[in-house]
């Protein structure tokens, strides 16, 4: 699994990727175009958002966005301060069920552990309480719920040490 920074060369193939209609209907993951716009706006405001295309064997299979620190939202969890986050993770519907979510998480955590934005104690993420597939993946990866929420989503944390 490769993390490839978004650029004019790959943005449209990443924006075209889609989750299943059921996942979309439930709003489990924001559309990639929305996430790209959000990354641009966050970066313009001086915060950190790192959007990547996910590639397997040279094919675009998903989207990932990593954050670092806070972005000024009133409902941000306390764990956001000076820590990394997996802000978005999606695998295109055509490639789900092949272990690519796990491979994407492994690649993301390897990248984060290079400390691209500075050292941190942990990585956090949040997910819809009804998204049992995401919850299971994140639990298998070692993330543990810490009792915080991010809006209506459950926050889970992984120590990086």
N, C-alpha and C. Protein backbone atom coordinates (compact mmCIF):
# COMPACT_ATOMS: atom_id res chain seq x y z
N UNK A 1 0.86 -1.18 0.00
CA UNK A 1 0.00 0.00 0.00
C UNK A 1 0.89 1.23 0.00
N UNK A 2 0.62 2.13 -0.91
CA UNK A 2 1.38 3.38 -0.99
C UNK A 2 0.47 4.56 -0.67
N UNK A 3 1.02 5.50 0.09
CA UNK A 3 0.39 6.78 0.32
C UNK A 3 0.99 7.75 -0.70
N UNK A 4 0.15 8.34 -1.53
CA UNK A 4 0.62 9.26 -2.56
C UNK A 4 -0.05 10.62 -2.32
N UNK A 5 0.78 11.65 -2.14
CA UNK A 5 0.23 12.99 -1.91
C UNK A 5 -0.66 13.38 -3.08
N UNK A 6 -1.73 14.09 -2.76
CA UNK A 6 -2.63 14.55 -3.80
C UNK A 6 -1.96 15.66 -4.60
N UNK A 7 -2.17 15.61 -5.89
CA UNK A 7 -1.62 16.62 -6.79
C UNK A 7 -2.56 16.72 -8.00
N UNK A 8 -2.25 17.62 -8.90
CA UNK A 8 -3.08 17.74 -10.10
C UNK A 8 -3.01 16.48 -10.95
N UNK A 9 -1.99 15.65 -10.75
CA UNK A 9 -1.87 14.41 -11.52
C UNK A 9 -2.83 13.33 -11.06
N UNK A 10 -3.23 13.35 -9.78
CA UNK A 10 -4.06 12.24 -9.28
C UNK A 10 -5.36 12.65 -8.60
N UNK A 11 -5.60 13.93 -8.46
CA UNK A 11 -6.75 14.36 -7.65
C UNK A 11 -8.07 13.83 -8.19
N UNK A 12 -8.26 13.84 -9.52
CA UNK A 12 -9.56 13.44 -10.06
C UNK A 12 -9.80 11.95 -9.91
N UNK A 13 -8.77 11.13 -10.04
CA UNK A 13 -9.01 9.69 -9.85
C UNK A 13 -9.32 9.37 -8.39
N UNK A 14 -8.79 10.15 -7.47
CA UNK A 14 -9.10 9.95 -6.06
C UNK A 14 -10.50 10.48 -5.73
N UNK A 15 -10.85 11.63 -6.26
CA UNK A 15 -12.17 12.21 -6.00
C UNK A 15 -13.29 11.31 -6.54
N UNK A 16 -13.02 10.57 -7.61
CA UNK A 16 -14.04 9.69 -8.20
C UNK A 16 -14.31 8.42 -7.40
N UNK A 17 -13.43 8.07 -6.48
CA UNK A 17 -13.64 6.85 -5.68
C UNK A 17 -14.86 7.01 -4.78
N UNK A 18 -15.57 5.92 -4.56
CA UNK A 18 -16.81 5.94 -3.77
C UNK A 18 -16.90 4.76 -2.83
N UNK A 19 -17.52 4.98 -1.68
CA UNK A 19 -17.86 3.89 -0.77
C UNK A 19 -19.14 3.21 -1.29
N UNK A 20 -19.62 2.19 -0.61
CA UNK A 20 -20.85 1.53 -1.03
C UNK A 20 -22.04 2.49 -0.86
N UNK A 21 -23.11 2.28 -1.60
CA UNK A 21 -24.29 3.13 -1.41
C UNK A 21 -24.80 3.13 0.03
N UNK A 22 -24.76 1.99 0.70
CA UNK A 22 -25.20 1.92 2.09
C UNK A 22 -24.31 2.77 2.99
N UNK A 23 -22.99 2.69 2.82
CA UNK A 23 -22.08 3.50 3.62
C UNK A 23 -22.29 4.99 3.35
N UNK A 24 -22.54 5.31 2.09
CA UNK A 24 -22.79 6.70 1.71
C UNK A 24 -24.09 7.20 2.33
N UNK A 25 -25.13 6.38 2.25
CA UNK A 25 -26.44 6.75 2.80
C UNK A 25 -26.36 7.01 4.30
N UNK A 26 -25.56 6.21 5.00
CA UNK A 26 -25.42 6.37 6.45
C UNK A 26 -24.45 7.48 6.82
N UNK A 27 -23.74 8.03 5.84
CA UNK A 27 -22.81 9.13 6.10
C UNK A 27 -21.59 8.72 6.90
N UNK A 28 -21.15 7.46 6.72
CA UNK A 28 -20.00 6.98 7.49
C UNK A 28 -18.70 7.70 7.12
N UNK A 29 -18.54 8.09 5.85
CA UNK A 29 -17.33 8.76 5.39
C UNK A 29 -17.75 9.91 4.48
N UNK A 30 -17.15 11.05 4.69
CA UNK A 30 -17.43 12.19 3.80
C UNK A 30 -16.94 11.87 2.39
N UNK A 31 -17.63 12.36 1.37
CA UNK A 31 -17.12 12.18 0.00
C UNK A 31 -15.72 12.77 -0.13
N UNK A 32 -14.91 12.14 -0.98
CA UNK A 32 -13.52 12.58 -1.11
C UNK A 32 -13.40 14.04 -1.58
N UNK A 33 -14.29 14.48 -2.44
CA UNK A 33 -14.23 15.88 -2.89
C UNK A 33 -14.41 16.82 -1.70
N UNK A 34 -15.34 16.50 -0.81
CA UNK A 34 -15.55 17.30 0.39
C UNK A 34 -14.29 17.31 1.24
N UNK A 35 -13.67 16.14 1.42
CA UNK A 35 -12.46 16.05 2.24
C UNK A 35 -11.32 16.86 1.65
N UNK A 36 -11.17 16.84 0.33
CA UNK A 36 -10.12 17.62 -0.32
C UNK A 36 -10.36 19.12 -0.10
N UNK A 37 -11.62 19.54 -0.24
CA UNK A 37 -11.93 20.95 0.02
C UNK A 37 -11.66 21.31 1.47
N UNK A 38 -12.01 20.42 2.38
CA UNK A 38 -11.78 20.68 3.79
C UNK A 38 -10.28 20.77 4.09
N UNK A 39 -9.48 19.90 3.48
CA UNK A 39 -8.03 19.96 3.68
C UNK A 39 -7.48 21.30 3.21
N UNK A 40 -7.94 21.76 2.05
CA UNK A 40 -7.49 23.05 1.53
C UNK A 40 -7.84 24.18 2.50
N UNK A 41 -9.09 24.20 2.97
CA UNK A 41 -9.53 25.26 3.87
C UNK A 41 -8.76 25.23 5.19
N UNK A 42 -8.56 24.05 5.74
CA UNK A 42 -7.83 23.91 7.01
C UNK A 42 -6.40 24.41 6.86
N UNK A 43 -5.77 24.04 5.75
CA UNK A 43 -4.39 24.47 5.52
C UNK A 43 -4.32 25.99 5.31
N UNK A 44 -5.30 26.56 4.63
CA UNK A 44 -5.35 28.00 4.43
C UNK A 44 -5.48 28.74 5.76
N UNK A 45 -6.13 28.10 6.73
CA UNK A 45 -6.28 28.70 8.06
C UNK A 45 -5.08 28.46 8.97
N UNK A 46 -4.04 27.80 8.44
CA UNK A 46 -2.81 27.61 9.20
C UNK A 46 -2.73 26.33 10.01
N UNK A 47 -3.66 25.43 9.80
CA UNK A 47 -3.64 24.14 10.51
C UNK A 47 -3.09 23.06 9.57
N UNK A 48 -3.01 21.83 10.06
CA UNK A 48 -2.38 20.77 9.29
C UNK A 48 -3.39 19.71 8.87
N UNK A 49 -3.44 19.46 7.57
CA UNK A 49 -4.21 18.36 6.99
C UNK A 49 -3.37 17.81 5.84
N UNK A 50 -3.14 16.51 5.87
CA UNK A 50 -2.30 15.86 4.87
C UNK A 50 -3.12 14.82 4.10
N UNK A 51 -3.65 15.20 2.92
CA UNK A 51 -4.46 14.26 2.14
C UNK A 51 -3.60 13.39 1.22
N UNK A 52 -3.96 12.12 1.15
CA UNK A 52 -3.23 11.15 0.32
C UNK A 52 -4.20 10.28 -0.47
N UNK A 53 -3.78 9.91 -1.66
CA UNK A 53 -4.43 8.82 -2.36
C UNK A 53 -3.82 7.53 -1.86
N UNK A 54 -4.64 6.49 -1.77
CA UNK A 54 -4.16 5.16 -1.40
C UNK A 54 -4.05 4.33 -2.68
N UNK A 55 -2.88 3.78 -2.91
CA UNK A 55 -2.62 3.01 -4.13
C UNK A 55 -2.14 1.60 -3.77
N UNK A 56 -2.69 0.64 -4.48
CA UNK A 56 -2.29 -0.76 -4.33
C UNK A 56 -1.93 -1.26 -5.72
N UNK A 57 -0.70 -1.73 -5.88
CA UNK A 57 -0.21 -2.21 -7.17
C UNK A 57 -0.44 -1.16 -8.27
N UNK A 58 -0.20 0.11 -7.93
CA UNK A 58 -0.31 1.20 -8.89
C UNK A 58 -1.72 1.68 -9.19
N UNK A 59 -2.73 1.07 -8.57
CA UNK A 59 -4.12 1.46 -8.79
C UNK A 59 -4.65 2.26 -7.62
N UNK A 60 -5.41 3.33 -7.88
CA UNK A 60 -6.03 4.07 -6.78
C UNK A 60 -7.15 3.25 -6.17
N UNK A 61 -7.07 3.04 -4.85
CA UNK A 61 -8.07 2.22 -4.16
C UNK A 61 -8.76 2.95 -3.02
N UNK A 62 -8.24 4.12 -2.62
CA UNK A 62 -8.84 4.79 -1.49
C UNK A 62 -8.25 6.16 -1.23
N UNK A 63 -8.68 6.72 -0.13
CA UNK A 63 -8.29 8.08 0.28
C UNK A 63 -8.00 8.06 1.78
N UNK A 64 -7.01 8.83 2.17
CA UNK A 64 -6.61 8.95 3.57
C UNK A 64 -6.26 10.40 3.84
N UNK A 65 -6.67 10.90 4.99
CA UNK A 65 -6.23 12.23 5.40
C UNK A 65 -5.76 12.15 6.85
N UNK A 66 -4.56 12.63 7.06
CA UNK A 66 -3.94 12.68 8.37
C UNK A 66 -3.96 14.13 8.84
N UNK A 67 -4.22 14.32 10.11
CA UNK A 67 -4.15 15.64 10.70
C UNK A 67 -3.14 15.66 11.83
N UNK A 68 -2.78 16.85 12.23
CA UNK A 68 -1.89 17.00 13.39
C UNK A 68 -2.35 18.23 14.17
N UNK A 69 -2.53 18.03 15.46
CA UNK A 69 -2.92 19.14 16.32
C UNK A 69 -4.39 19.50 16.15
N UNK A 70 -4.73 20.64 16.67
CA UNK A 70 -6.12 21.09 16.63
C UNK A 70 -6.39 21.88 15.35
N UNK A 71 -7.68 22.06 15.06
CA UNK A 71 -8.07 22.88 13.91
C UNK A 71 -9.05 23.98 14.32
N UNK A 72 -9.18 24.17 15.62
CA UNK A 72 -10.01 25.26 16.11
C UNK A 72 -11.48 24.97 16.25
N UNK A 73 -11.90 23.71 16.06
CA UNK A 73 -13.31 23.36 16.23
C UNK A 73 -13.68 23.33 17.71
N UNK A 74 -14.86 23.82 18.04
CA UNK A 74 -15.33 23.86 19.43
C UNK A 74 -15.52 22.47 20.01
N UNK A 75 -15.88 21.48 19.18
CA UNK A 75 -16.16 20.14 19.71
C UNK A 75 -14.99 19.17 19.56
N UNK A 76 -13.80 19.68 19.27
CA UNK A 76 -12.63 18.80 19.15
C UNK A 76 -12.34 18.10 20.48
N UNK A 77 -11.92 16.84 20.41
CA UNK A 77 -11.53 16.17 21.66
C UNK A 77 -10.21 16.74 22.19
N UNK A 78 -10.02 16.63 23.48
CA UNK A 78 -8.79 17.13 24.10
C UNK A 78 -7.55 16.43 23.56
N UNK A 79 -7.70 15.17 23.16
CA UNK A 79 -6.57 14.39 22.66
C UNK A 79 -5.99 14.96 21.36
N UNK A 80 -6.72 15.84 20.69
CA UNK A 80 -6.25 16.40 19.41
C UNK A 80 -4.99 17.25 19.59
N UNK A 81 -4.86 17.88 20.73
CA UNK A 81 -3.74 18.81 20.94
C UNK A 81 -2.40 18.10 20.81
N UNK A 82 -1.59 18.55 19.83
CA UNK A 82 -0.23 18.06 19.60
C UNK A 82 -0.16 16.56 19.37
N UNK A 83 -1.22 15.98 18.79
CA UNK A 83 -1.23 14.57 18.43
C UNK A 83 -1.71 14.42 16.99
N UNK A 84 -1.42 13.27 16.41
CA UNK A 84 -1.86 12.96 15.05
C UNK A 84 -3.27 12.40 15.07
N UNK A 85 -3.93 12.52 13.92
CA UNK A 85 -5.24 11.90 13.76
C UNK A 85 -5.36 11.28 12.38
N UNK A 86 -6.12 10.22 12.32
CA UNK A 86 -6.57 9.69 11.04
C UNK A 86 -7.91 10.36 10.83
N UNK A 87 -7.91 11.37 10.02
CA UNK A 87 -9.08 12.22 9.86
C UNK A 87 -10.07 11.60 8.88
N UNK A 88 -9.57 10.98 7.85
CA UNK A 88 -10.43 10.28 6.89
C UNK A 88 -9.72 9.01 6.44
N UNK A 89 -10.51 7.98 6.25
CA UNK A 89 -10.02 6.75 5.62
C UNK A 89 -11.19 6.17 4.85
N UNK A 90 -10.98 5.96 3.57
CA UNK A 90 -12.00 5.28 2.78
C UNK A 90 -11.33 4.37 1.77
N UNK A 91 -11.97 3.23 1.56
CA UNK A 91 -11.57 2.30 0.51
C UNK A 91 -12.75 2.24 -0.47
N UNK A 92 -12.45 2.38 -1.74
CA UNK A 92 -13.48 2.34 -2.76
C UNK A 92 -14.27 1.03 -2.67
N UNK A 93 -15.57 1.11 -2.95
CA UNK A 93 -16.47 -0.04 -2.84
C UNK A 93 -15.95 -1.26 -3.60
N UNK A 94 -15.32 -1.04 -4.75
CA UNK A 94 -14.81 -2.16 -5.57
C UNK A 94 -13.69 -2.93 -4.89
N UNK A 95 -13.04 -2.32 -3.91
CA UNK A 95 -11.86 -2.94 -3.30
C UNK A 95 -12.05 -3.31 -1.83
N UNK A 96 -13.25 -3.12 -1.32
CA UNK A 96 -13.51 -3.45 0.08
C UNK A 96 -13.52 -4.98 0.27
N UNK A 97 -13.23 -5.40 1.50
CA UNK A 97 -13.23 -6.82 1.83
C UNK A 97 -11.98 -7.55 1.40
N UNK A 98 -10.93 -6.82 1.05
CA UNK A 98 -9.68 -7.43 0.59
C UNK A 98 -8.51 -7.16 1.55
N UNK A 99 -8.81 -6.62 2.73
CA UNK A 99 -7.75 -6.32 3.69
C UNK A 99 -7.04 -5.00 3.43
N UNK A 100 -7.54 -4.19 2.51
CA UNK A 100 -6.86 -2.95 2.18
C UNK A 100 -7.01 -1.88 3.25
N UNK A 101 -8.10 -1.91 4.00
CA UNK A 101 -8.26 -0.97 5.11
C UNK A 101 -7.15 -1.16 6.14
N UNK A 102 -6.88 -2.41 6.45
CA UNK A 102 -5.80 -2.72 7.40
C UNK A 102 -4.45 -2.29 6.84
N UNK A 103 -4.21 -2.59 5.57
CA UNK A 103 -2.94 -2.20 4.95
C UNK A 103 -2.80 -0.67 4.90
N UNK A 104 -3.91 0.01 4.65
CA UNK A 104 -3.88 1.48 4.64
C UNK A 104 -3.55 2.03 6.03
N UNK A 105 -4.16 1.44 7.05
CA UNK A 105 -3.87 1.88 8.42
C UNK A 105 -2.41 1.62 8.79
N UNK A 106 -1.89 0.48 8.41
CA UNK A 106 -0.48 0.19 8.68
C UNK A 106 0.43 1.21 7.99
N UNK A 107 0.12 1.53 6.73
CA UNK A 107 0.92 2.51 6.00
C UNK A 107 0.81 3.89 6.65
N UNK A 108 -0.40 4.26 7.05
CA UNK A 108 -0.61 5.56 7.70
C UNK A 108 0.18 5.65 9.00
N UNK A 109 0.10 4.61 9.82
CA UNK A 109 0.81 4.64 11.11
C UNK A 109 2.32 4.61 10.91
N UNK A 110 2.81 3.90 9.91
CA UNK A 110 4.25 3.94 9.61
C UNK A 110 4.68 5.34 9.22
N UNK A 111 3.88 6.00 8.40
CA UNK A 111 4.19 7.37 8.00
C UNK A 111 4.16 8.30 9.22
N UNK A 112 3.14 8.20 10.02
CA UNK A 112 3.02 9.05 11.21
C UNK A 112 4.23 8.88 12.12
N UNK A 113 4.72 7.66 12.24
CA UNK A 113 5.87 7.40 13.12
C UNK A 113 7.19 7.93 12.57
N UNK A 114 7.16 8.55 11.39
CA UNK A 114 8.33 9.29 10.91
C UNK A 114 8.29 10.72 11.43
N UNK A 115 7.23 11.07 12.16
CA UNK A 115 7.03 12.38 12.79
C UNK A 115 7.08 13.53 11.78
N UNK A 116 6.30 13.47 10.70
CA UNK A 116 6.37 14.52 9.67
C UNK A 116 5.98 15.91 10.18
N UNK A 117 5.24 15.99 11.26
CA UNK A 117 4.81 17.28 11.80
C UNK A 117 5.33 17.51 13.21
N UNK A 118 6.13 16.59 13.72
CA UNK A 118 6.65 16.68 15.07
C UNK A 118 6.26 15.45 15.88
N UNK A 119 6.95 15.27 16.98
CA UNK A 119 6.67 14.14 17.88
C UNK A 119 5.27 14.25 18.46
N UNK A 120 4.74 13.10 18.84
CA UNK A 120 3.41 13.06 19.46
C UNK A 120 3.31 11.83 20.33
N UNK A 121 2.41 11.88 21.29
CA UNK A 121 2.18 10.74 22.17
C UNK A 121 1.27 9.70 21.55
N UNK A 122 0.32 10.17 20.73
CA UNK A 122 -0.67 9.21 20.22
C UNK A 122 -1.25 9.65 18.89
N UNK A 123 -2.00 8.75 18.32
CA UNK A 123 -2.81 9.00 17.14
C UNK A 123 -4.25 8.71 17.53
N UNK A 124 -5.15 9.57 17.12
CA UNK A 124 -6.56 9.37 17.45
C UNK A 124 -7.38 9.39 16.16
N UNK A 125 -8.58 8.89 16.28
CA UNK A 125 -9.54 8.92 15.17
C UNK A 125 -10.93 8.89 15.76
N UNK A 126 -11.91 9.11 14.93
CA UNK A 126 -13.29 9.04 15.41
C UNK A 126 -14.13 8.34 14.35
N UNK A 127 -15.23 7.76 14.80
CA UNK A 127 -16.11 7.04 13.88
C UNK A 127 -17.54 7.05 14.40
N UNK A 128 -18.45 6.89 13.47
CA UNK A 128 -19.88 6.82 13.78
C UNK A 128 -20.13 5.58 14.64
N UNK A 129 -20.89 5.70 15.72
CA UNK A 129 -21.13 4.54 16.59
C UNK A 129 -21.77 3.35 15.85
N UNK A 130 -22.49 3.61 14.75
CA UNK A 130 -23.12 2.53 13.99
C UNK A 130 -22.19 1.87 12.99
N UNK A 131 -20.98 2.41 12.81
CA UNK A 131 -20.04 1.85 11.84
C UNK A 131 -19.23 0.72 12.48
N UNK A 132 -19.86 -0.43 12.57
CA UNK A 132 -19.24 -1.58 13.26
C UNK A 132 -18.02 -2.11 12.52
N UNK A 133 -17.98 -1.96 11.20
CA UNK A 133 -16.82 -2.42 10.44
C UNK A 133 -15.60 -1.57 10.79
N UNK A 134 -15.77 -0.25 10.83
CA UNK A 134 -14.67 0.64 11.19
C UNK A 134 -14.22 0.38 12.63
N UNK A 135 -15.19 0.27 13.53
CA UNK A 135 -14.85 0.01 14.94
C UNK A 135 -14.01 -1.26 15.08
N UNK A 136 -14.39 -2.31 14.39
CA UNK A 136 -13.65 -3.58 14.47
C UNK A 136 -12.23 -3.42 13.91
N UNK A 137 -12.09 -2.74 12.78
CA UNK A 137 -10.76 -2.52 12.21
C UNK A 137 -9.88 -1.74 13.17
N UNK A 138 -10.40 -0.65 13.68
CA UNK A 138 -9.59 0.20 14.55
C UNK A 138 -9.23 -0.52 15.86
N UNK A 139 -10.13 -1.31 16.37
CA UNK A 139 -9.84 -2.09 17.58
C UNK A 139 -8.73 -3.10 17.30
N UNK A 140 -8.82 -3.78 16.15
CA UNK A 140 -7.76 -4.74 15.78
C UNK A 140 -6.41 -4.05 15.63
N UNK A 141 -6.42 -2.78 15.21
CA UNK A 141 -5.17 -2.03 15.04
C UNK A 141 -4.62 -1.51 16.37
N UNK A 142 -5.37 -1.68 17.45
CA UNK A 142 -4.89 -1.26 18.77
C UNK A 142 -5.50 0.02 19.30
N UNK A 143 -6.41 0.64 18.56
CA UNK A 143 -7.06 1.86 19.04
C UNK A 143 -8.06 1.50 20.13
N UNK A 144 -8.12 2.33 21.17
CA UNK A 144 -9.04 2.12 22.28
C UNK A 144 -9.85 3.39 22.51
N UNK A 145 -11.14 3.20 22.70
CA UNK A 145 -12.03 4.34 22.98
C UNK A 145 -11.60 4.99 24.29
N UNK A 146 -11.58 6.33 24.31
CA UNK A 146 -11.10 7.03 25.50
C UNK A 146 -12.21 7.80 26.23
N UNK A 147 -13.45 7.62 25.81
CA UNK A 147 -14.56 8.31 26.47
C UNK A 147 -14.89 9.67 25.88
N UNK A 148 -14.06 10.18 24.98
CA UNK A 148 -14.34 11.46 24.34
C UNK A 148 -15.18 11.25 23.09
N UNK A 149 -15.75 12.34 22.62
CA UNK A 149 -16.45 12.33 21.35
C UNK A 149 -15.95 13.49 20.50
N UNK A 150 -16.16 13.37 19.21
CA UNK A 150 -15.88 14.44 18.25
C UNK A 150 -17.19 14.65 17.52
N UNK A 151 -17.96 15.63 17.99
CA UNK A 151 -19.33 15.76 17.51
C UNK A 151 -20.12 14.56 17.99
N UNK A 152 -20.71 13.83 17.06
CA UNK A 152 -21.49 12.64 17.39
C UNK A 152 -20.67 11.35 17.28
N UNK A 153 -19.39 11.48 16.99
CA UNK A 153 -18.56 10.30 16.77
C UNK A 153 -17.77 9.91 18.01
N UNK A 154 -17.48 8.62 18.11
CA UNK A 154 -16.68 8.06 19.19
C UNK A 154 -15.20 8.27 18.89
N UNK A 155 -14.43 8.67 19.88
CA UNK A 155 -12.99 8.86 19.73
C UNK A 155 -12.25 7.63 20.27
N UNK A 156 -11.26 7.17 19.49
CA UNK A 156 -10.40 6.07 19.91
C UNK A 156 -8.95 6.51 19.71
N UNK A 157 -8.07 6.01 20.57
CA UNK A 157 -6.69 6.48 20.64
C UNK A 157 -5.73 5.30 20.60
N UNK A 158 -4.59 5.52 19.92
CA UNK A 158 -3.50 4.54 19.87
C UNK A 158 -2.21 5.22 20.33
N UNK A 159 -1.58 4.72 21.41
CA UNK A 159 -0.28 5.29 21.78
C UNK A 159 0.75 5.02 20.69
N UNK A 160 1.61 6.00 20.42
CA UNK A 160 2.60 5.85 19.36
C UNK A 160 3.96 5.38 19.86
N UNK A 161 4.17 5.39 21.14
CA UNK A 161 5.48 4.97 21.69
C UNK A 161 5.65 3.47 21.62
